[in-house]
Amino acid sequence: MWESKPRKNTRPWPKLRIGASIDLMLGTGLRIGEMLALRWSDLNFAADNPTVTVSGTIVSDVGGQVIRQPLTKSKTSERVLFLPHFTVASLLGYWHELDGTPENDAIFPTAVGTRLDRSNYGARFREVRKLSIDVDLSWVTPHSLRDTVATNVYRTSDLQHASSQL
C-alpha cells in the first residue's frame, strides 16, 4: 500500500525492504544496528522452528564507512531467536523479489550493496510512517517496536523470557 503512494523523493523504493525490516523488528525486538548487521546466512529457515542468529551490529569505522562489527552491544546480546511465521513469510517474500544478494550477504543493503546505516534507515522509517492518512503513527519508532515485543513476551511468559528476547 505505502509503496504505491506518491513521494517527493524520486529514488525508487527499495523493493519490500522497509516492510520486511519492520516485520523482522516486530517479530524479534531487534535493535536497528542488529537488524542492519544481519546476513542471509544468519537465518535458518530449514529448522522446524526457523531462527535468526544475532551476532553483530552496524558501526562506522574511522573513515566514516558503515561496517558490520562482529560483536553485539553486549555479550548477552548475542543470541538465537525463533522467528514467528509472519516474519518468515515476509523475509521469504522479500528474498524471492531480490535480483541477487550483495557480496557482504547483507539482508538490508543499500542500493549499491553496502551496509545501510542507522540514520539512513531511521529516515526511511519516518518517511514511510508519514504516509499514514487516517492514523497518527508519529509515536511509532523502531524502539517502540522493540518495546512492543518485550511487552508481549512478558505478558505471555515472564520477565526472564522478555529479557532474553531483547
N, C-alpha and C. Protein backbone atom coordinates (compact mmCIF):
# COMPACT_ATOMS: atom_id res chain seq x y z
N MET A 1 0.81 -1.18 0.00
CA MET A 1 0.00 0.00 0.00
C MET A 1 0.87 1.25 0.00
N TRP A 2 1.79 1.39 0.97
CA TRP A 2 2.60 2.60 1.04
C TRP A 2 3.53 2.71 -0.16
N GLU A 3 3.88 1.59 -0.81
CA GLU A 3 4.78 1.64 -1.96
C GLU A 3 4.14 2.31 -3.16
N SER A 4 2.80 2.37 -3.21
CA SER A 4 2.12 2.96 -4.35
C SER A 4 1.80 4.44 -4.14
N LYS A 5 2.06 4.96 -2.96
CA LYS A 5 1.77 6.37 -2.67
C LYS A 5 2.81 7.28 -3.34
N PRO A 6 2.36 8.45 -3.84
CA PRO A 6 3.32 9.37 -4.46
C PRO A 6 4.28 9.94 -3.43
N ARG A 7 5.53 10.18 -3.85
CA ARG A 7 6.54 10.72 -2.96
C ARG A 7 7.25 11.87 -3.65
N LYS A 8 7.83 12.75 -2.85
CA LYS A 8 8.64 13.83 -3.41
C LYS A 8 9.99 13.30 -3.86
N ASN A 9 10.49 12.32 -3.15
CA ASN A 9 11.79 11.72 -3.47
C ASN A 9 11.64 10.90 -4.75
N THR A 10 12.55 11.07 -5.69
CA THR A 10 12.43 10.37 -6.97
C THR A 10 13.17 9.05 -7.00
N ARG A 11 13.93 8.73 -5.96
CA ARG A 11 14.60 7.43 -5.92
C ARG A 11 13.55 6.34 -5.79
N PRO A 12 13.76 5.19 -6.41
CA PRO A 12 12.76 4.12 -6.28
C PRO A 12 12.76 3.54 -4.87
N TRP A 13 11.60 3.05 -4.44
CA TRP A 13 11.53 2.37 -3.15
C TRP A 13 12.35 1.11 -3.23
N PRO A 14 13.14 0.83 -2.21
CA PRO A 14 13.80 -0.48 -2.18
C PRO A 14 12.70 -1.53 -2.04
N LYS A 15 12.62 -2.44 -2.98
CA LYS A 15 11.52 -3.41 -3.05
C LYS A 15 11.35 -4.16 -1.73
N LEU A 16 10.25 -3.94 -1.06
CA LEU A 16 9.84 -4.64 0.16
C LEU A 16 10.80 -4.49 1.34
N ARG A 17 11.88 -3.75 1.19
CA ARG A 17 12.89 -3.67 2.25
C ARG A 17 12.32 -3.15 3.56
N ILE A 18 11.62 -2.04 3.52
CA ILE A 18 11.16 -1.45 4.78
C ILE A 18 10.08 -2.32 5.42
N GLY A 19 9.19 -2.88 4.63
CA GLY A 19 8.16 -3.74 5.17
C GLY A 19 8.73 -4.98 5.83
N ALA A 20 9.67 -5.63 5.16
CA ALA A 20 10.31 -6.83 5.71
C ALA A 20 11.11 -6.48 6.96
N SER A 21 11.73 -5.32 6.97
CA SER A 21 12.52 -4.93 8.15
C SER A 21 11.62 -4.66 9.35
N ILE A 22 10.47 -4.04 9.11
CA ILE A 22 9.53 -3.79 10.20
C ILE A 22 8.98 -5.11 10.73
N ASP A 23 8.64 -6.02 9.81
CA ASP A 23 8.17 -7.34 10.25
C ASP A 23 9.23 -8.06 11.07
N LEU A 24 10.49 -7.91 10.67
CA LEU A 24 11.58 -8.55 11.42
C LEU A 24 11.71 -7.95 12.82
N MET A 25 11.61 -6.63 12.91
CA MET A 25 11.69 -6.00 14.24
C MET A 25 10.49 -6.36 15.10
N LEU A 26 9.29 -6.42 14.51
CA LEU A 26 8.09 -6.79 15.26
C LEU A 26 8.12 -8.25 15.71
N GLY A 27 8.79 -9.08 14.93
CA GLY A 27 8.86 -10.49 15.28
C GLY A 27 9.96 -10.85 16.25
N THR A 28 10.95 -9.96 16.40
CA THR A 28 12.12 -10.30 17.20
C THR A 28 12.49 -9.28 18.28
N GLY A 29 12.17 -8.01 18.07
CA GLY A 29 12.59 -6.97 19.00
C GLY A 29 14.03 -6.55 18.81
N LEU A 30 14.59 -6.80 17.63
CA LEU A 30 15.99 -6.43 17.37
C LEU A 30 16.20 -4.93 17.41
N ARG A 31 17.40 -4.52 17.82
CA ARG A 31 17.82 -3.13 17.69
C ARG A 31 18.07 -2.86 16.20
N ILE A 32 18.02 -1.59 15.80
CA ILE A 32 18.25 -1.24 14.40
C ILE A 32 19.62 -1.74 13.94
N GLY A 33 20.65 -1.49 14.73
CA GLY A 33 22.01 -1.91 14.35
C GLY A 33 22.14 -3.41 14.20
N GLU A 34 21.45 -4.16 15.07
CA GLU A 34 21.48 -5.62 14.98
C GLU A 34 20.79 -6.08 13.71
N MET A 35 19.65 -5.47 13.41
CA MET A 35 18.90 -5.84 12.21
C MET A 35 19.70 -5.55 10.95
N LEU A 36 20.30 -4.37 10.89
CA LEU A 36 21.06 -3.98 9.70
C LEU A 36 22.34 -4.79 9.54
N ALA A 37 22.81 -5.40 10.61
CA ALA A 37 24.02 -6.23 10.55
C ALA A 37 23.71 -7.67 10.12
N LEU A 38 22.43 -8.04 10.09
CA LEU A 38 22.08 -9.41 9.76
C LEU A 38 22.49 -9.78 8.34
N ARG A 39 22.87 -11.03 8.21
CA ARG A 39 23.22 -11.61 6.91
C ARG A 39 22.22 -12.73 6.61
N TRP A 40 22.04 -13.03 5.35
CA TRP A 40 21.16 -14.13 4.98
C TRP A 40 21.64 -15.42 5.64
N SER A 41 22.95 -15.54 5.83
CA SER A 41 23.49 -16.75 6.45
C SER A 41 23.17 -16.84 7.95
N ASP A 42 22.67 -15.75 8.55
CA ASP A 42 22.27 -15.77 9.95
C ASP A 42 20.87 -16.35 10.15
N LEU A 43 20.16 -16.54 9.05
CA LEU A 43 18.80 -17.07 9.11
C LEU A 43 18.81 -18.57 8.89
N ASN A 44 17.98 -19.27 9.63
CA ASN A 44 17.83 -20.71 9.43
C ASN A 44 16.35 -20.99 9.21
N PHE A 45 15.94 -20.99 7.94
CA PHE A 45 14.56 -21.27 7.59
C PHE A 45 14.28 -22.77 7.53
N ALA A 46 15.32 -23.58 7.45
CA ALA A 46 15.16 -25.03 7.30
C ALA A 46 14.79 -25.73 8.61
N ALA A 47 15.02 -25.09 9.73
CA ALA A 47 14.72 -25.70 11.03
C ALA A 47 13.20 -25.84 11.21
N ASP A 48 12.80 -26.76 12.07
CA ASP A 48 11.38 -26.90 12.39
C ASP A 48 10.81 -25.59 12.92
N ASN A 49 11.59 -24.92 13.74
CA ASN A 49 11.26 -23.58 14.21
C ASN A 49 12.35 -22.64 13.69
N PRO A 50 12.07 -21.90 12.59
CA PRO A 50 13.09 -21.02 11.99
C PRO A 50 13.68 -20.05 13.02
N THR A 51 14.98 -19.78 12.85
CA THR A 51 15.69 -18.92 13.79
C THR A 51 16.53 -17.87 13.07
N VAL A 52 16.95 -16.89 13.85
CA VAL A 52 17.92 -15.90 13.41
C VAL A 52 18.99 -15.83 14.49
N THR A 53 20.25 -15.82 14.06
CA THR A 53 21.37 -15.68 14.98
C THR A 53 21.81 -14.22 14.98
N VAL A 54 21.75 -13.59 16.14
CA VAL A 54 22.16 -12.19 16.29
C VAL A 54 23.59 -12.19 16.80
N SER A 55 24.51 -11.74 15.95
CA SER A 55 25.93 -11.83 16.32
C SER A 55 26.75 -10.62 15.91
N GLY A 56 26.09 -9.52 15.61
CA GLY A 56 26.84 -8.34 15.20
C GLY A 56 25.97 -7.09 15.24
N THR A 57 26.59 -5.98 14.93
CA THR A 57 25.88 -4.70 14.85
C THR A 57 26.57 -3.84 13.80
N ILE A 58 25.96 -2.73 13.48
CA ILE A 58 26.49 -1.79 12.50
C ILE A 58 27.22 -0.67 13.23
N VAL A 59 28.42 -0.34 12.76
CA VAL A 59 29.19 0.78 13.31
C VAL A 59 29.85 1.52 12.15
N SER A 60 30.33 2.71 12.42
CA SER A 60 31.10 3.46 11.43
C SER A 60 32.57 3.35 11.79
N ASP A 61 33.40 3.05 10.79
CA ASP A 61 34.83 2.96 11.06
C ASP A 61 35.45 4.36 11.11
N VAL A 62 36.74 4.42 11.29
CA VAL A 62 37.45 5.70 11.43
C VAL A 62 37.21 6.62 10.23
N GLY A 63 37.10 6.04 9.05
CA GLY A 63 36.86 6.83 7.84
C GLY A 63 35.40 7.17 7.60
N GLY A 64 34.51 6.74 8.49
CA GLY A 64 33.09 7.03 8.35
C GLY A 64 32.33 6.00 7.54
N GLN A 65 33.00 4.94 7.10
CA GLN A 65 32.33 3.89 6.33
C GLN A 65 31.54 2.98 7.28
N VAL A 66 30.33 2.63 6.87
CA VAL A 66 29.48 1.76 7.68
C VAL A 66 29.93 0.32 7.48
N ILE A 67 30.22 -0.34 8.60
CA ILE A 67 30.69 -1.72 8.54
C ILE A 67 29.92 -2.58 9.54
N ARG A 68 29.99 -3.89 9.32
CA ARG A 68 29.40 -4.83 10.27
C ARG A 68 30.46 -5.19 11.30
N GLN A 69 30.15 -4.93 12.55
CA GLN A 69 31.04 -5.30 13.65
C GLN A 69 30.58 -6.66 14.16
N PRO A 70 31.48 -7.64 14.21
CA PRO A 70 31.06 -8.98 14.62
C PRO A 70 30.86 -9.13 16.12
N LEU A 71 30.46 -8.06 16.76
CA LEU A 71 30.14 -8.05 18.19
C LEU A 71 28.84 -7.30 18.37
N THR A 72 28.02 -7.74 19.30
CA THR A 72 26.79 -7.02 19.59
C THR A 72 27.06 -5.97 20.67
N LYS A 73 26.01 -5.28 21.10
CA LYS A 73 26.15 -4.24 22.10
C LYS A 73 26.78 -4.78 23.38
N SER A 74 26.41 -5.99 23.75
CA SER A 74 26.99 -6.64 24.92
C SER A 74 27.06 -8.14 24.66
N LYS A 75 27.77 -8.86 25.49
CA LYS A 75 27.91 -10.30 25.32
C LYS A 75 26.55 -11.00 25.40
N THR A 76 25.68 -10.50 26.28
CA THR A 76 24.35 -11.12 26.42
C THR A 76 23.44 -10.81 25.23
N SER A 77 23.83 -9.84 24.40
CA SER A 77 23.03 -9.52 23.21
C SER A 77 23.23 -10.54 22.10
N GLU A 78 24.28 -11.35 22.19
CA GLU A 78 24.47 -12.43 21.22
C GLU A 78 23.47 -13.52 21.55
N ARG A 79 22.60 -13.83 20.59
CA ARG A 79 21.53 -14.77 20.89
C ARG A 79 20.95 -15.37 19.61
N VAL A 80 20.23 -16.46 19.78
CA VAL A 80 19.49 -17.08 18.70
C VAL A 80 18.02 -16.94 19.04
N LEU A 81 17.25 -16.37 18.11
CA LEU A 81 15.84 -16.11 18.35
C LEU A 81 14.97 -16.91 17.38
N PHE A 82 13.85 -17.36 17.86
CA PHE A 82 12.88 -18.00 16.98
C PHE A 82 12.17 -16.92 16.17
N LEU A 83 11.87 -17.24 14.92
CA LEU A 83 11.17 -16.31 14.05
C LEU A 83 9.70 -16.69 13.94
N PRO A 84 8.79 -15.75 14.20
CA PRO A 84 7.38 -16.04 14.02
C PRO A 84 7.05 -16.28 12.54
N HIS A 85 5.94 -16.94 12.29
CA HIS A 85 5.56 -17.28 10.92
C HIS A 85 5.43 -16.05 10.03
N PHE A 86 4.84 -14.96 10.54
CA PHE A 86 4.66 -13.78 9.70
C PHE A 86 6.00 -13.17 9.30
N THR A 87 6.99 -13.26 10.18
CA THR A 87 8.32 -12.74 9.87
C THR A 87 9.00 -13.60 8.82
N VAL A 88 8.89 -14.90 8.95
CA VAL A 88 9.47 -15.82 7.96
C VAL A 88 8.83 -15.57 6.60
N ALA A 89 7.51 -15.46 6.56
CA ALA A 89 6.80 -15.23 5.29
C ALA A 89 7.25 -13.92 4.66
N SER A 90 7.40 -12.87 5.46
CA SER A 90 7.82 -11.56 4.96
C SER A 90 9.24 -11.62 4.40
N LEU A 91 10.16 -12.24 5.14
CA LEU A 91 11.55 -12.34 4.69
C LEU A 91 11.67 -13.20 3.43
N LEU A 92 10.94 -14.30 3.38
CA LEU A 92 11.00 -15.15 2.19
C LEU A 92 10.41 -14.42 0.97
N GLY A 93 9.32 -13.69 1.18
CA GLY A 93 8.75 -12.89 0.09
C GLY A 93 9.73 -11.85 -0.41
N TYR A 94 10.39 -11.19 0.52
CA TYR A 94 11.40 -10.19 0.17
C TYR A 94 12.56 -10.84 -0.58
N TRP A 95 13.03 -11.98 -0.10
CA TRP A 95 14.16 -12.67 -0.73
C TRP A 95 13.82 -13.09 -2.16
N HIS A 96 12.61 -13.57 -2.37
CA HIS A 96 12.20 -14.01 -3.71
C HIS A 96 12.09 -12.85 -4.69
N GLU A 97 11.91 -11.63 -4.19
CA GLU A 97 11.82 -10.45 -5.05
C GLU A 97 13.18 -9.85 -5.39
N LEU A 98 14.23 -10.30 -4.70
CA LEU A 98 15.57 -9.74 -4.94
C LEU A 98 16.16 -10.25 -6.24
N ASP A 99 16.94 -9.39 -6.89
CA ASP A 99 17.67 -9.81 -8.09
C ASP A 99 18.92 -10.59 -7.72
N GLY A 100 19.36 -10.47 -6.52
CA GLY A 100 20.56 -11.15 -6.02
C GLY A 100 20.90 -10.58 -4.67
N THR A 101 21.86 -11.18 -4.02
CA THR A 101 22.29 -10.67 -2.72
C THR A 101 23.69 -10.09 -2.87
N PRO A 102 24.02 -9.07 -2.08
CA PRO A 102 25.34 -8.46 -2.18
C PRO A 102 26.44 -9.41 -1.68
N GLU A 103 27.66 -9.10 -2.04
CA GLU A 103 28.80 -9.91 -1.61
C GLU A 103 28.88 -10.03 -0.09
N ASN A 104 28.49 -8.98 0.62
CA ASN A 104 28.58 -8.99 2.08
C ASN A 104 27.43 -9.77 2.72
N ASP A 105 26.51 -10.33 1.91
CA ASP A 105 25.42 -11.18 2.39
C ASP A 105 24.40 -10.40 3.23
N ALA A 106 24.43 -9.07 3.17
CA ALA A 106 23.52 -8.24 3.97
C ALA A 106 22.08 -8.46 3.56
N ILE A 107 21.20 -8.57 4.53
CA ILE A 107 19.78 -8.70 4.23
C ILE A 107 19.20 -7.37 3.77
N PHE A 108 19.62 -6.29 4.41
CA PHE A 108 19.09 -4.96 4.10
C PHE A 108 20.21 -4.02 3.66
N PRO A 109 20.76 -4.23 2.45
CA PRO A 109 21.85 -3.37 1.97
C PRO A 109 21.32 -2.08 1.34
N THR A 110 22.23 -1.19 1.03
CA THR A 110 21.89 -0.01 0.25
C THR A 110 21.67 -0.45 -1.20
N ALA A 111 21.29 0.48 -2.05
CA ALA A 111 21.06 0.17 -3.47
C ALA A 111 22.32 -0.32 -4.17
N VAL A 112 23.50 0.05 -3.63
CA VAL A 112 24.75 -0.37 -4.25
C VAL A 112 25.39 -1.55 -3.53
N GLY A 113 24.66 -2.12 -2.55
CA GLY A 113 25.14 -3.34 -1.89
C GLY A 113 25.98 -3.15 -0.64
N THR A 114 26.16 -1.91 -0.21
CA THR A 114 26.92 -1.68 1.02
C THR A 114 25.97 -1.75 2.22
N ARG A 115 26.52 -1.62 3.41
CA ARG A 115 25.71 -1.66 4.63
C ARG A 115 24.92 -0.36 4.79
N LEU A 116 23.68 -0.50 5.14
CA LEU A 116 22.81 0.64 5.41
C LEU A 116 23.08 1.11 6.84
N ASP A 117 23.21 2.43 7.05
CA ASP A 117 23.47 2.91 8.40
C ASP A 117 22.17 3.23 9.14
N ARG A 118 22.28 3.35 10.46
CA ARG A 118 21.10 3.56 11.30
C ARG A 118 20.34 4.83 10.93
N SER A 119 21.04 5.92 10.71
CA SER A 119 20.35 7.19 10.44
C SER A 119 19.63 7.15 9.10
N ASN A 120 20.21 6.51 8.11
CA ASN A 120 19.56 6.37 6.81
C ASN A 120 18.30 5.52 6.96
N TYR A 121 18.41 4.43 7.71
CA TYR A 121 17.24 3.59 7.94
C TYR A 121 16.17 4.37 8.70
N GLY A 122 16.58 5.12 9.72
CA GLY A 122 15.62 5.91 10.50
C GLY A 122 14.87 6.91 9.64
N ALA A 123 15.57 7.54 8.70
CA ALA A 123 14.94 8.50 7.79
C ALA A 123 13.91 7.79 6.91
N ARG A 124 14.24 6.62 6.42
CA ARG A 124 13.30 5.85 5.59
C ARG A 124 12.09 5.42 6.43
N PHE A 125 12.32 5.03 7.65
CA PHE A 125 11.24 4.61 8.55
C PHE A 125 10.29 5.78 8.77
N ARG A 126 10.83 6.97 9.05
CA ARG A 126 9.99 8.15 9.28
C ARG A 126 9.22 8.54 8.01
N GLU A 127 9.86 8.40 6.85
CA GLU A 127 9.21 8.73 5.59
C GLU A 127 7.99 7.83 5.36
N VAL A 128 8.14 6.55 5.62
CA VAL A 128 7.03 5.62 5.45
C VAL A 128 5.95 5.90 6.49
N ARG A 129 6.35 6.19 7.70
CA ARG A 129 5.40 6.46 8.78
C ARG A 129 4.50 7.65 8.43
N LYS A 130 5.04 8.65 7.75
CA LYS A 130 4.27 9.84 7.38
C LYS A 130 3.20 9.55 6.33
N LEU A 131 3.28 8.42 5.65
CA LEU A 131 2.32 8.09 4.61
C LEU A 131 0.96 7.67 5.15
N SER A 132 0.87 7.45 6.45
CA SER A 132 -0.40 7.08 7.05
C SER A 132 -1.35 8.27 6.96
N ILE A 133 -2.54 8.01 6.48
CA ILE A 133 -3.51 9.09 6.28
C ILE A 133 -4.46 9.23 7.46
N ASP A 134 -5.06 8.14 7.89
CA ASP A 134 -6.12 8.19 8.90
C ASP A 134 -5.65 7.96 10.32
N VAL A 135 -4.43 7.49 10.50
CA VAL A 135 -3.95 7.14 11.83
C VAL A 135 -2.65 7.90 12.10
N ASP A 136 -2.56 8.47 13.30
CA ASP A 136 -1.32 9.16 13.70
C ASP A 136 -0.30 8.12 14.15
N LEU A 137 0.73 7.94 13.37
CA LEU A 137 1.79 6.98 13.69
C LEU A 137 3.07 7.68 14.13
N SER A 138 2.99 8.95 14.46
CA SER A 138 4.20 9.70 14.81
C SER A 138 4.91 9.10 16.03
N TRP A 139 4.20 8.40 16.87
CA TRP A 139 4.76 7.80 18.08
C TRP A 139 5.48 6.48 17.78
N VAL A 140 5.26 5.90 16.59
CA VAL A 140 5.85 4.61 16.26
C VAL A 140 7.31 4.81 15.83
N THR A 141 8.20 4.17 16.55
CA THR A 141 9.63 4.22 16.25
C THR A 141 10.17 2.79 16.27
N PRO A 142 11.35 2.57 15.70
CA PRO A 142 11.94 1.24 15.83
C PRO A 142 12.05 0.80 17.30
N HIS A 143 12.32 1.76 18.20
CA HIS A 143 12.42 1.39 19.60
C HIS A 143 11.06 1.03 20.20
N SER A 144 9.99 1.70 19.73
CA SER A 144 8.66 1.34 20.25
C SER A 144 8.27 -0.06 19.77
N LEU A 145 8.75 -0.48 18.60
CA LEU A 145 8.52 -1.85 18.14
C LEU A 145 9.21 -2.82 19.09
N ARG A 146 10.42 -2.47 19.50
CA ARG A 146 11.19 -3.29 20.45
C ARG A 146 10.45 -3.39 21.78
N ASP A 147 9.91 -2.27 22.25
CA ASP A 147 9.13 -2.26 23.49
C ASP A 147 7.89 -3.13 23.37
N THR A 148 7.25 -3.10 22.20
CA THR A 148 6.06 -3.90 21.96
C THR A 148 6.37 -5.38 22.06
N VAL A 149 7.48 -5.80 21.50
CA VAL A 149 7.88 -7.20 21.58
C VAL A 149 8.13 -7.59 23.03
N ALA A 150 8.86 -6.75 23.75
CA ALA A 150 9.15 -7.05 25.15
C ALA A 150 7.87 -7.18 25.97
N THR A 151 6.93 -6.28 25.75
CA THR A 151 5.66 -6.32 26.48
C THR A 151 4.90 -7.60 26.16
N ASN A 152 4.83 -7.97 24.89
CA ASN A 152 4.10 -9.17 24.50
C ASN A 152 4.75 -10.44 25.06
N VAL A 153 6.07 -10.51 25.03
CA VAL A 153 6.74 -11.68 25.59
C VAL A 153 6.51 -11.74 27.09
N TYR A 154 6.61 -10.61 27.76
CA TYR A 154 6.38 -10.56 29.21
C TYR A 154 4.96 -11.00 29.57
N ARG A 155 3.98 -10.52 28.80
CA ARG A 155 2.58 -10.86 29.09
C ARG A 155 2.27 -12.34 28.84
N THR A 156 2.95 -12.95 27.88
CA THR A 156 2.67 -14.35 27.57
C THR A 156 3.61 -15.32 28.27
N SER A 157 4.66 -14.78 28.88
CA SER A 157 5.64 -15.66 29.53
C SER A 157 6.02 -15.06 30.87
N ASP A 158 7.26 -14.51 30.93
CA ASP A 158 7.71 -13.88 32.16
C ASP A 158 8.83 -12.90 31.84
N LEU A 159 9.28 -12.22 32.87
CA LEU A 159 10.31 -11.19 32.72
C LEU A 159 11.62 -11.78 32.20
N GLN A 160 11.98 -12.97 32.64
CA GLN A 160 13.23 -13.61 32.20
C GLN A 160 13.21 -13.84 30.69
N HIS A 161 12.09 -14.34 30.17
CA HIS A 161 11.99 -14.59 28.73
C HIS A 161 12.01 -13.26 27.94
N ALA A 162 11.34 -12.25 28.46
CA ALA A 162 11.34 -10.94 27.80
C ALA A 162 12.76 -10.38 27.76
N SER A 163 13.47 -10.50 28.85
CA SER A 163 14.86 -10.03 28.92
C SER A 163 15.75 -10.80 27.95
N SER A 164 15.57 -12.10 27.89
CA SER A 164 16.37 -12.94 26.98
C SER A 164 16.09 -12.60 25.52
N GLN A 165 14.85 -12.29 25.21
CA GLN A 165 14.47 -11.94 23.84
C GLN A 165 15.20 -10.68 23.39
N LEU A 166 15.30 -9.72 24.29
CA LEU A 166 15.90 -8.45 23.92
C LEU A 166 17.39 -8.45 24.17
